[in-house]
Amino acid sequence: MQDLVQSISGVQGVTGAAIFSREGSCLAHALSPPYEPILLAEALRELKTAMECYAGTGMEKGRGTLLLSFEQGRLAVRQAEEYDLVALTSAAANMAVLSVAFNVAVLRLQQSRSAPAFPAPRAAEPPRRPSGTVPPGGYDERLSQSMARDMSSSGIEAQSMNWSRSQSQSQAVATAPGAVGMKVMRHVLEVALRYFGPDARHLVEGELRRRNATPQTLTSAHFADLIVALSSRLAEEHRPKFMQEVLGDVRR
């Protein structure tokens, strides 16, 4: 769970993060003084009391991120089924990317809850290529070949997308409201290249097409699903680092 906190705190503008149980116990945190888990736990209790009063007026509580703005920063809270995810941010933090980090953390928490208590033994791993020829994530290029067959059989168009930084203003495609945009997706591609090697572009574009989306139309929620799908193609021990790098500084 600590790796999820590190992924959230790695978002540009986030100064601290924590995960609490619904009972108020701090399960993991990345906080620096003067902030402490006990102080955030008290703030959460006060916030929940306020939300209960709000719901008592007959208005339904939302399922999104709760955001409290202060003079020098913000407190963001994402409520999941059994957890409260908290982030302390600067006023200039990228809230769209933070929302993605929250979504990814919630997905991974849900996955960990649904995992069997006694996982089945792993099948023997296929032989790997000689040292120095495998990207650092332990990625097997046969996954790419399998994905290409899946895309072909499902009729998914394989035309390459334009990732160029030098698009003129007149050629640029407008980004839909709420979409992550080309800058974020280009950052994802750059990280993916370090883990998947030459297959990175093919894999990223394939996951976009599976969602019938482009960088200009992909929503934050679908983006979270996309990077979880990409990370699942890596060896398990490399997935947290990949997620952390993807959700890091995207100011490119």
C-alpha atoms as a PDB file:
ATOM      1  CA  MET A   1       0.000   0.000   0.000  1.00  0.00           C
ATOM      2  CA  GLN A   2       2.963   2.285   0.564  1.00  0.00           C
ATOM      3  CA  ASP A   3       3.701   2.189  -3.169  1.00  0.00           C
ATOM      4  CA  LEU A   4       0.225   3.633  -3.863  1.00  0.00           C
ATOM      5  CA  VAL A   5       0.927   6.526  -1.500  1.00  0.00           C
ATOM      6  CA  GLN A   6       4.246   7.146  -3.234  1.00  0.00           C
ATOM      7  CA  SER A   7       2.499   7.210  -6.629  1.00  0.00           C
ATOM      8  CA  ILE A   8       0.014   9.811  -5.410  1.00  0.00           C
ATOM      9  CA  SER A   9       2.694  11.944  -3.743  1.00  0.00           C
ATOM     10  CA  GLY A  10       4.746  11.759  -6.946  1.00  0.00           C
ATOM     11  CA  VAL A  11       2.180  13.837  -8.846  1.00  0.00           C
ATOM     12  CA  GLN A  12       3.455  17.335  -9.603  1.00  0.00           C
ATOM     13  CA  GLY A  13       2.311  19.755  -6.884  1.00  0.00           C
ATOM     14  CA  VAL A  14       1.389  17.092  -4.296  1.00  0.00           C
ATOM     15  CA  THR A  15       3.250  17.683  -1.036  1.00  0.00           C
ATOM     16  CA  GLY A  16       1.927  14.714   0.942  1.00  0.00           C
ATOM     17  CA  ALA A  17      -0.473  11.773   0.741  1.00  0.00           C
ATOM     18  CA  ALA A  18      -2.035   9.140   2.962  1.00  0.00           C
ATOM     19  CA  ILE A  19      -4.517   6.254   2.892  1.00  0.00           C
ATOM     20  CA  PHE A  20      -6.927   5.761   5.795  1.00  0.00           C
ATOM     21  CA  SER A  21      -9.363   3.009   6.659  1.00  0.00           C
ATOM     22  CA  ARG A  22     -12.991   4.092   6.934  1.00  0.00           C
ATOM     23  CA  GLU A  23     -12.539   3.785  10.720  1.00  0.00           C
ATOM     24  CA  GLY A  24      -9.865   6.485  10.608  1.00  0.00           C
ATOM     25  CA  SER A  25      -6.695   4.409  10.970  1.00  0.00           C
ATOM     26  CA  CYS A  26      -3.752   5.497   8.822  1.00  0.00           C
ATOM     27  CA  LEU A  27      -2.687   2.535   6.686  1.00  0.00           C
ATOM     28  CA  ALA A  28       0.148   4.234   4.801  1.00  0.00           C
ATOM     29  CA  HIS A  29       1.426   7.774   4.363  1.00  0.00           C
ATOM     30  CA  ALA A  30       4.096  10.003   2.845  1.00  0.00           C
ATOM     31  CA  LEU A  31       3.830  13.122   5.000  1.00  0.00           C
ATOM     32  CA  SER A  32       6.420  15.654   6.087  1.00  0.00           C
ATOM     33  CA  PRO A  33       6.302  17.814   9.251  1.00  0.00           C
ATOM     34  CA  PRO A  34       4.293  19.646  10.404  1.00  0.00           C
ATOM     35  CA  TYR A  35       1.672  17.305   8.893  1.00  0.00           C
ATOM     36  CA  GLU A  36       0.980  14.053  10.723  1.00  0.00           C
ATOM     37  CA  PRO A  37      -1.513  11.213  10.194  1.00  0.00           C
ATOM     38  CA  ILE A  38      -3.342  12.009  13.422  1.00  0.00           C
ATOM     39  CA  LEU A  39      -4.036  15.565  12.208  1.00  0.00           C
ATOM     40  CA  LEU A  40      -5.357  14.371   8.861  1.00  0.00           C
ATOM     41  CA  ALA A  41      -7.499  11.746  10.608  1.00  0.00           C
ATOM     42  CA  GLU A  42      -9.148  14.502  12.643  1.00  0.00           C
ATOM     43  CA  ALA A  43      -9.695  16.604   9.512  1.00  0.00           C
ATOM     44  CA  LEU A  44     -11.337  13.590   7.851  1.00  0.00           C
ATOM     45  CA  ARG A  45     -13.694  13.114  10.792  1.00  0.00           C
ATOM     46  CA  GLU A  46     -14.753  16.752  10.605  1.00  0.00           C
ATOM     47  CA  LEU A  47     -15.204  16.530   6.855  1.00  0.00           C
ATOM     48  CA  LYS A  48     -17.353  13.391   7.104  1.00  0.00           C
ATOM     49  CA  THR A  49     -19.539  15.071   9.711  1.00  0.00           C
ATOM     50  CA  ALA A  50     -20.048  17.999   7.362  1.00  0.00           C
ATOM     51  CA  MET A  51     -20.884  15.656   4.483  1.00  0.00           C
ATOM     52  CA  GLU A  52     -23.444  13.803   6.596  1.00  0.00           C
ATOM     53  CA  CYS A  53     -25.127  17.115   7.392  1.00  0.00           C
ATOM     54  CA  TYR A  54     -25.044  17.971   3.691  1.00  0.00           C
ATOM     55  CA  ALA A  55     -26.689  14.642   2.809  1.00  0.00           C
ATOM     56  CA  GLY A  56     -29.245  15.251   5.548  1.00  0.00           C
ATOM     57  CA  THR A  57     -30.592  18.235   3.623  1.00  0.00           C
ATOM     58  CA  GLY A  58     -31.802  15.804   0.957  1.00  0.00           C
ATOM     59  CA  MET A  59     -28.883  16.233  -1.452  1.00  0.00           C
ATOM     60  CA  GLU A  60     -26.973  13.124  -2.505  1.00  0.00           C
ATOM     61  CA  LYS A  61     -23.298  12.876  -1.665  1.00  0.00           C
ATOM     62  CA  GLY A  62     -21.054  12.817  -4.727  1.00  0.00           C
ATOM     63  CA  ARG A  63     -18.640  10.047  -5.629  1.00  0.00           C
ATOM     64  CA  GLY A  64     -15.865  12.265  -6.932  1.00  0.00           C
ATOM     65  CA  THR A  65     -12.940  13.925  -5.211  1.00  0.00           C
ATOM     66  CA  LEU A  66     -13.709  16.284  -2.335  1.00  0.00           C
ATOM     67  CA  LEU A  67     -11.559  19.402  -2.593  1.00  0.00           C
ATOM     68  CA  LEU A  68     -10.998  21.968   0.163  1.00  0.00           C
ATOM     69  CA  SER A  69      -9.112  25.095  -0.903  1.00  0.00           C
ATOM     70  CA  PHE A  70      -7.043  27.148   1.524  1.00  0.00           C
ATOM     71  CA  GLU A  71      -4.859  30.205   1.183  1.00  0.00           C
ATOM     72  CA  GLN A  72      -1.689  28.291   0.344  1.00  0.00           C
ATOM     73  CA  GLY A  73      -2.906  24.928  -0.878  1.00  0.00           C
ATOM     74  CA  ARG A  74      -5.631  22.300  -1.056  1.00  0.00           C
ATOM     75  CA  LEU A  75      -6.802  19.178   0.709  1.00  0.00           C
ATOM     76  CA  ALA A  76      -8.134  16.537  -1.699  1.00  0.00           C
ATOM     77  CA  VAL A  77     -10.018  13.464  -0.477  1.00  0.00           C
ATOM     78  CA  ARG A  78     -11.161  10.516  -2.569  1.00  0.00           C
ATOM     79  CA  GLN A  79     -13.541   8.104  -0.837  1.00  0.00           C
ATOM     80  CA  ALA A  80     -13.436   4.464  -1.933  1.00  0.00           C
ATOM     81  CA  GLU A  81     -15.441   1.531  -0.567  1.00  0.00           C
ATOM     82  CA  GLU A  82     -13.268   0.867   2.483  1.00  0.00           C
ATOM     83  CA  TYR A  83     -10.620   3.567   2.211  1.00  0.00           C
ATOM     84  CA  ASP A  84     -10.138   7.326   2.242  1.00  0.00           C
ATOM     85  CA  LEU A  85      -7.318   8.609   0.010  1.00  0.00           C
ATOM     86  CA  VAL A  86      -5.953  12.017   1.021  1.00  0.00           C
ATOM     87  CA  ALA A  87      -3.553  14.375  -0.735  1.00  0.00           C
ATOM     88  CA  LEU A  88      -2.107  17.727   0.315  1.00  0.00           C
ATOM     89  CA  THR A  89      -1.358  19.895  -2.696  1.00  0.00           C
ATOM     90  CA  SER A  90      -0.097  23.311  -3.674  1.00  0.00           C
ATOM     91  CA  ALA A  91      -2.512  25.758  -5.274  1.00  0.00           C
ATOM     92  CA  ALA A  92      -0.903  25.126  -8.670  1.00  0.00           C
ATOM     93  CA  ALA A  93      -1.161  21.305  -8.570  1.00  0.00           C
ATOM     94  CA  ASN A  94      -2.487  19.521 -11.660  1.00  0.00           C
ATOM     95  CA  MET A  95      -5.823  18.265 -10.312  1.00  0.00           C
ATOM     96  CA  ALA A  96      -6.605  16.276 -13.462  1.00  0.00           C
ATOM     97  CA  VAL A  97      -3.453  14.178 -13.024  1.00  0.00           C
ATOM     98  CA  LEU A  98      -4.147  13.843  -9.283  1.00  0.00           C
ATOM     99  CA  SER A  99      -7.625  12.552 -10.125  1.00  0.00           C
ATOM    100  CA  VAL A 100      -5.992   9.935 -12.345  1.00  0.00           C
ATOM    101  CA  ALA A 101      -3.606   8.942  -9.530  1.00  0.00           C
ATOM    102  CA  PHE A 102      -6.581   8.538  -7.187  1.00  0.00           C
ATOM    103  CA  ASN A 103      -8.419   6.433  -9.773  1.00  0.00           C
ATOM    104  CA  VAL A 104      -5.418   4.164 -10.252  1.00  0.00           C
ATOM    105  CA  ALA A 105      -4.976   3.735  -6.490  1.00  0.00           C
ATOM    106  CA  VAL A 106      -8.657   2.855  -6.073  1.00  0.00           C
ATOM    107  CA  LEU A 107      -8.432   0.302  -8.895  1.00  0.00           C
ATOM    108  CA  ARG A 108      -5.387  -1.334  -7.357  1.00  0.00           C
ATOM    109  CA  LEU A 109      -6.974  -1.404  -3.900  1.00  0.00           C
ATOM    110  CA  GLN A 110     -10.037  -3.086  -5.372  1.00  0.00           C
ATOM    111  CA  GLN A 111      -7.831  -5.589  -7.191  1.00  0.00           C
ATOM    112  CA  SER A 112      -5.928  -6.421  -4.013  1.00  0.00           C
ATOM    113  CA  ARG A 113      -9.200  -7.028  -2.151  1.00  0.00           C
ATOM    114  CA  SER A 114     -10.487  -9.369  -4.849  1.00  0.00           C
ATOM    115  CA  ALA A 115      -7.242 -11.370  -5.052  1.00  0.00           C
ATOM    116  CA  PRO A 116      -7.505 -14.901  -3.570  1.00  0.00           C
ATOM    117  CA  ALA A 117      -6.034 -15.383  -0.111  1.00  0.00           C
ATOM    118  CA  PHE A 118      -3.951 -18.296  -1.407  1.00  0.00           C
ATOM    119  CA  PRO A 119      -3.001 -17.525  -5.002  1.00  0.00           C
ATOM    120  CA  ALA A 120      -2.535 -20.393  -7.399  1.00  0.00           C
ATOM    121  CA  PRO A 121       1.075 -21.414  -8.083  1.00  0.00           C
ATOM    122  CA  ARG A 122       2.632 -19.538 -10.961  1.00  0.00           C
ATOM    123  CA  ALA A 123       3.233 -21.338 -14.187  1.00  0.00           C
ATOM    124  CA  ALA A 124       6.850 -21.792 -15.190  1.00  0.00           C
ATOM    125  CA  GLU A 125       8.136 -18.656 -16.889  1.00  0.00           C
ATOM    126  CA  PRO A 126       9.228 -18.969 -20.521  1.00  0.00           C
ATOM    127  CA  PRO A 127      12.947 -18.561 -21.239  1.00  0.00           C
ATOM    128  CA  ARG A 128      13.998 -14.935 -21.463  1.00  0.00           C
ATOM    129  CA  ARG A 129      16.229 -13.305 -23.985  1.00  0.00           C
ATOM    130  CA  PRO A 130      19.920 -12.814 -23.148  1.00  0.00           C
ATOM    131  CA  SER A 131      20.768 -10.170 -20.569  1.00  0.00           C
ATOM    132  CA  GLY A 132      20.806  -6.646 -21.947  1.00  0.00           C
ATOM    133  CA  THR A 133      18.131  -7.261 -24.607  1.00  0.00           C
ATOM    134  CA  VAL A 134      15.049  -7.194 -22.352  1.00  0.00           C
ATOM    135  CA  PRO A 135      13.585  -3.828 -21.279  1.00  0.00           C
ATOM    136  CA  PRO A 136      13.819  -3.217 -17.488  1.00  0.00           C
ATOM    137  CA  GLY A 137      10.203  -4.275 -16.859  1.00  0.00           C
ATOM    138  CA  GLY A 138      10.822  -7.873 -17.931  1.00  0.00           C
ATOM    139  CA  TYR A 139       8.433  -7.389 -20.854  1.00  0.00           C
ATOM    140  CA  ASP A 140       8.062 -10.238 -23.348  1.00  0.00           C
ATOM    141  CA  GLU A 141       7.545  -9.090 -26.941  1.00  0.00           C
ATOM    142  CA  ARG A 142       5.280 -12.088 -27.571  1.00  0.00           C
ATOM    143  CA  LEU A 143       2.611 -10.143 -25.670  1.00  0.00           C
ATOM    144  CA  SER A 144       2.779  -7.538 -28.417  1.00  0.00           C
ATOM    145  CA  GLN A 145       2.358 -10.202 -31.083  1.00  0.00           C
ATOM    146  CA  SER A 146      -0.637 -11.636 -29.226  1.00  0.00           C
ATOM    147  CA  MET A 147      -2.138  -8.167 -28.920  1.00  0.00           C
ATOM    148  CA  ALA A 148      -1.669  -7.544 -32.643  1.00  0.00           C
ATOM    149  CA  ARG A 149      -3.587 -10.753 -33.406  1.00  0.00           C
ATOM    150  CA  ASP A 150      -6.367  -9.707 -31.003  1.00  0.00           C
ATOM    151  CA  MET A 151      -6.627  -6.282 -32.636  1.00  0.00           C
ATOM    152  CA  SER A 152      -6.718  -7.803 -36.111  1.00  0.00           C
ATOM    153  CA  SER A 153      -9.429 -10.313 -35.228  1.00  0.00           C
ATOM    154  CA  SER A 154     -11.559  -7.635 -33.567  1.00  0.00           C
ATOM    155  CA  GLY A 155     -11.268  -5.246 -36.521  1.00  0.00           C
ATOM    156  CA  ILE A 156      -9.447  -2.523 -34.561  1.00  0.00           C
ATOM    157  CA  GLU A 157      -7.787  -0.072 -36.945  1.00  0.00           C
ATOM    158  CA  ALA A 158      -3.987  -0.161 -36.664  1.00  0.00           C
ATOM    159  CA  GLN A 159      -3.142   3.180 -38.315  1.00  0.00           C
ATOM    160  CA  SER A 160      -0.405   4.961 -36.378  1.00  0.00           C
ATOM    161  CA  MET A 161      -1.238   8.118 -34.413  1.00  0.00           C
ATOM    162  CA  ASN A 162       0.622  11.416 -34.688  1.00  0.00           C
ATOM    163  CA  TRP A 163       2.728  11.966 -31.523  1.00  0.00           C
ATOM    164  CA  SER A 164       4.839  14.782 -32.965  1.00  0.00           C
ATOM    165  CA  ARG A 165       5.705  17.762 -30.750  1.00  0.00           C
ATOM    166  CA  SER A 166       5.986  19.970 -33.844  1.00  0.00           C
ATOM    167  CA  GLN A 167       2.340  20.006 -34.890  1.00  0.00           C
ATOM    168  CA  SER A 168       1.384  23.499 -36.012  1.00  0.00           C
ATOM    169  CA  GLN A 169      -1.432  25.280 -34.189  1.00  0.00           C
ATOM    170  CA  SER A 170      -3.675  24.860 -37.219  1.00  0.00           C
ATOM    171  CA  GLN A 171      -3.062  21.093 -37.315  1.00  0.00           C
ATOM    172  CA  ALA A 172      -3.505  20.531 -33.592  1.00  0.00           C
ATOM    173  CA  VAL A 173      -6.649  18.664 -32.581  1.00  0.00           C
ATOM    174  CA  ALA A 174      -8.719  20.268 -29.828  1.00  0.00           C
ATOM    175  CA  THR A 175      -8.760  18.417 -26.509  1.00  0.00           C
ATOM    176  CA  ALA A 176     -12.215  17.463 -25.230  1.00  0.00           C
ATOM    177  CA  PRO A 177     -13.243  18.771 -21.779  1.00  0.00           C
ATOM    178  CA  GLY A 178     -12.020  16.399 -19.057  1.00  0.00           C
ATOM    179  CA  ALA A 179      -9.585  14.586 -21.369  1.00  0.00           C
ATOM    180  CA  VAL A 180      -5.972  14.056 -20.304  1.00  0.00           C
ATOM    181  CA  GLY A 181      -4.574  15.519 -23.537  1.00  0.00           C
ATOM    182  CA  MET A 182      -1.539  14.911 -25.729  1.00  0.00           C
ATOM    183  CA  LYS A 183       1.049  16.219 -23.232  1.00  0.00           C
ATOM    184  CA  VAL A 184       0.117  13.626 -20.612  1.00  0.00           C
ATOM    185  CA  MET A 185      -0.105  10.797 -23.156  1.00  0.00           C
ATOM    186  CA  ARG A 186       3.257  11.744 -24.669  1.00  0.00           C
ATOM    187  CA  HIS A 187       4.740  11.478 -21.185  1.00  0.00           C
ATOM    188  CA  VAL A 188       3.167   8.009 -20.849  1.00  0.00           C
ATOM    189  CA  LEU A 189       4.725   6.978 -24.155  1.00  0.00           C
ATOM    190  CA  GLU A 190       8.159   8.204 -23.077  1.00  0.00           C
ATOM    191  CA  VAL A 191       7.940   6.174 -19.858  1.00  0.00           C
ATOM    192  CA  ALA A 192       6.607   3.144 -21.753  1.00  0.00           C
ATOM    193  CA  LEU A 193       9.595   3.265 -24.125  1.00  0.00           C
ATOM    194  CA  ARG A 194      11.901   2.643 -21.165  1.00  0.00           C
ATOM    195  CA  TYR A 195       9.949  -0.438 -20.131  1.00  0.00           C
ATOM    196  CA  PHE A 196       8.621  -1.947 -23.371  1.00  0.00           C
ATOM    197  CA  GLY A 197      11.318  -0.876 -25.817  1.00  0.00           C
ATOM    198  CA  PRO A 198      10.316  -0.543 -29.503  1.00  0.00           C
ATOM    199  CA  ASP A 199       6.883  -2.089 -28.830  1.00  0.00           C
ATOM    200  CA  ALA A 200       5.826   0.803 -26.556  1.00  0.00           C
ATOM    201  CA  ARG A 201       4.090   2.881 -29.209  1.00  0.00           C
ATOM    202  CA  HIS A 202       2.221  -0.124 -30.569  1.00  0.00           C
ATOM    203  CA  LEU A 203       1.037  -1.074 -27.063  1.00  0.00           C
ATOM    204  CA  VAL A 204      -0.049   2.443 -26.031  1.00  0.00           C
ATOM    205  CA  GLU A 205      -1.915   3.051 -29.283  1.00  0.00           C
ATOM    206  CA  GLY A 206      -3.525  -0.370 -29.044  1.00  0.00           C
ATOM    207  CA  GLU A 207      -4.861   0.366 -25.552  1.00  0.00           C
ATOM    208  CA  LEU A 208      -6.218   3.703 -26.795  1.00  0.00           C
ATOM    209  CA  ARG A 209      -8.031   2.002 -29.657  1.00  0.00           C
ATOM    210  CA  ARG A 210      -9.480  -0.609 -27.336  1.00  0.00           C
ATOM    211  CA  ARG A 211     -11.209   2.307 -25.609  1.00  0.00           C
ATOM    212  CA  ASN A 212     -12.142   3.953 -28.908  1.00  0.00           C
ATOM    213  CA  ALA A 213     -10.171   7.006 -27.808  1.00  0.00           C
ATOM    214  CA  THR A 214      -7.318   9.320 -28.732  1.00  0.00           C
ATOM    215  CA  PRO A 215      -5.120  11.407 -26.406  1.00  0.00           C
ATOM    216  CA  GLN A 216      -7.532  14.304 -27.018  1.00  0.00           C
ATOM    217  CA  THR A 217     -10.637  12.318 -25.981  1.00  0.00           C
ATOM    218  CA  LEU A 218      -9.359   9.895 -23.312  1.00  0.00           C
ATOM    219  CA  THR A 219     -10.960  10.730 -19.940  1.00  0.00           C
ATOM    220  CA  SER A 220      -9.151  10.544 -16.616  1.00  0.00           C
ATOM    221  CA  ALA A 221     -11.123   7.461 -15.559  1.00  0.00           C
ATOM    222  CA  HIS A 222     -10.289   5.611 -18.797  1.00  0.00           C
ATOM    223  CA  PHE A 223      -6.690   6.791 -18.545  1.00  0.00           C
ATOM    224  CA  ALA A 224      -6.405   5.095 -15.162  1.00  0.00           C
ATOM    225  CA  ASP A 225      -7.726   1.888 -16.707  1.00  0.00           C
ATOM    226  CA  LEU A 226      -5.281   2.243 -19.616  1.00  0.00           C
ATOM    227  CA  ILE A 227      -2.140   2.520 -17.506  1.00  0.00           C
ATOM    228  CA  VAL A 228      -3.263  -0.358 -15.276  1.00  0.00           C
ATOM    229  CA  ALA A 229      -3.643  -2.435 -18.464  1.00  0.00           C
ATOM    230  CA  LEU A 230      -0.145  -1.419 -19.593  1.00  0.00           C
ATOM    231  CA  SER A 231       1.396  -2.210 -16.218  1.00  0.00           C
ATOM    232  CA  SER A 232      -0.204  -5.671 -16.245  1.00  0.00           C
ATOM    233  CA  ARG A 233       2.103  -6.539 -19.176  1.00  0.00           C
ATOM    234  CA  LEU A 234       5.178  -6.077 -16.959  1.00  0.00           C
ATOM    235  CA  ALA A 235       6.703  -8.395 -14.416  1.00  0.00           C
ATOM    236  CA  GLU A 236       4.854  -7.856 -11.138  1.00  0.00           C
ATOM    237  CA  GLU A 237       7.837  -6.404  -9.282  1.00  0.00           C
ATOM    238  CA  HIS A 238       8.213  -3.625 -11.889  1.00  0.00           C
ATOM    239  CA  ARG A 239       4.581  -2.488 -11.929  1.00  0.00           C
ATOM    240  CA  PRO A 240       4.685  -0.062  -8.937  1.00  0.00           C
ATOM    241  CA  LYS A 241       7.746   1.743 -10.351  1.00  0.00           C
ATOM    242  CA  PHE A 242       6.116   2.013 -13.784  1.00  0.00           C
ATOM    243  CA  MET A 243       2.938   3.456 -12.254  1.00  0.00           C
ATOM    244  CA  GLN A 244       4.949   5.926 -10.184  1.00  0.00           C
ATOM    245  CA  GLU A 245       6.883   7.154 -13.222  1.00  0.00           C
ATOM    246  CA  VAL A 246       3.731   7.462 -15.349  1.00  0.00           C
ATOM    247  CA  LEU A 247       2.035   9.553 -12.664  1.00  0.00           C
ATOM    248  CA  GLY A 248       5.087  11.715 -12.068  1.00  0.00           C
ATOM    249  CA  ASP A 249       5.979  15.095 -13.508  1.00  0.00           C
ATOM    250  CA  VAL A 250       4.224  15.512 -16.895  1.00  0.00           C
ATOM    251  CA  ARG A 251       5.363  19.079 -17.552  1.00  0.00           C
ATOM    252  CA  ARG A 252       7.039  18.407 -20.907  1.00  0.00           C
END
